[in-house]
Amino acid sequence: MSEPKELQMSKPKELYVAVYDLSFCLHDEDGNEVQNKDGTTKQFHLAYPANKHLGYFIDGLEVTDLEEKSE
């Protein structure tokens, strides 16, 4: 007979890094970012689906390389 589900100890699953959201900004040759009227950095997204060729972007990243994003 097996243990009840609430007593079973499950092994934590391994976590992997993936791209969730990807945005870009523009800057001039002096490094000044393009800004919105309110002074915040203007952000851009790709104009087409980025569903391939992004593997190189996360190659070598580990979970320990990440910090939780504060809102």
Protein backbone atom coordinates (compact mmCIF):
# COMPACT_ATOMS: atom_id res chain seq x y z
CA MET A 1 0.00 0.00 0.00
CA SER A 2 1.34 3.44 -0.91
CA GLU A 3 1.44 6.52 1.31
CA PRO A 4 -1.33 9.13 1.05
CA LYS A 5 -0.49 11.90 -1.43
CA GLU A 6 -0.05 14.54 1.31
CA LEU A 7 2.68 12.39 2.93
CA GLN A 8 4.59 11.56 -0.23
CA MET A 9 7.83 13.52 -0.54
CA SER A 10 8.33 14.59 -4.11
CA LYS A 11 11.75 15.44 -5.50
CA PRO A 12 11.90 19.07 -6.71
CA LYS A 13 11.89 19.25 -10.50
CA GLU A 14 14.90 20.70 -12.27
CA LEU A 15 14.37 24.23 -13.59
CA TYR A 16 15.56 25.62 -16.92
CA VAL A 17 15.98 29.17 -18.23
CA ALA A 18 13.69 30.31 -21.06
CA VAL A 19 12.90 33.62 -22.76
CA TYR A 20 9.59 35.01 -21.48
CA ASP A 21 9.55 38.55 -22.84
CA LEU A 22 12.03 40.33 -25.06
CA SER A 23 12.04 44.08 -25.59
CA PHE A 24 14.49 46.50 -27.11
CA CYS A 25 15.37 50.17 -26.84
CA LEU A 26 17.09 52.55 -29.25
CA HIS A 27 19.95 54.90 -28.50
CA ASP A 28 21.99 57.37 -30.49
CA GLU A 29 25.76 57.30 -31.08
CA ASP A 30 26.29 59.07 -27.72
CA GLY A 31 24.36 56.38 -25.85
CA ASN A 32 21.27 58.52 -25.20
CA GLU A 33 18.15 56.36 -25.16
CA VAL A 34 15.07 57.33 -27.17
CA GLN A 35 12.49 58.42 -24.61
CA ASN A 36 8.74 58.75 -24.30
CA LYS A 37 7.20 62.19 -23.62
CA ASP A 38 7.20 61.37 -19.88
CA GLY A 39 10.97 60.73 -19.88
CA THR A 40 10.84 56.94 -19.62
CA THR A 41 12.77 54.79 -22.03
CA LYS A 42 10.76 53.92 -25.14
CA GLN A 43 10.58 50.14 -25.52
CA PHE A 44 10.16 48.16 -28.73
CA HIS A 45 9.21 44.57 -29.53
CA LEU A 46 9.91 42.52 -32.63
CA ALA A 47 7.45 43.10 -35.46
CA TYR A 48 7.34 39.36 -36.17
CA PRO A 49 7.15 36.18 -34.05
CA ALA A 50 10.51 35.35 -32.50
CA ASN A 51 9.92 31.63 -32.22
CA LYS A 52 13.30 30.48 -33.50
CA HIS A 53 16.99 31.35 -33.34
CA LEU A 54 16.84 32.57 -29.72
CA GLY A 55 18.55 29.53 -28.24
CA TYR A 56 21.95 31.20 -28.44
CA PHE A 57 20.61 34.01 -26.26
CA ILE A 58 20.21 31.76 -23.22
CA ASP A 59 22.97 29.21 -23.87
CA GLY A 60 25.06 28.93 -20.75
CA LEU A 61 22.62 30.75 -18.47
CA GLU A 62 21.79 29.00 -15.21
CA VAL A 63 18.96 29.66 -12.77
CA THR A 64 21.57 31.10 -10.38
CA ASP A 65 22.39 33.81 -12.99
CA LEU A 66 18.90 35.30 -12.63
CA GLU A 67 17.39 37.76 -10.15
CA GLU A 68 13.65 38.09 -9.62
CA LYS A 69 12.26 41.16 -11.38
CA SER A 70 10.74 43.69 -9.01
CA GLU A 71 7.57 45.41 -10.17
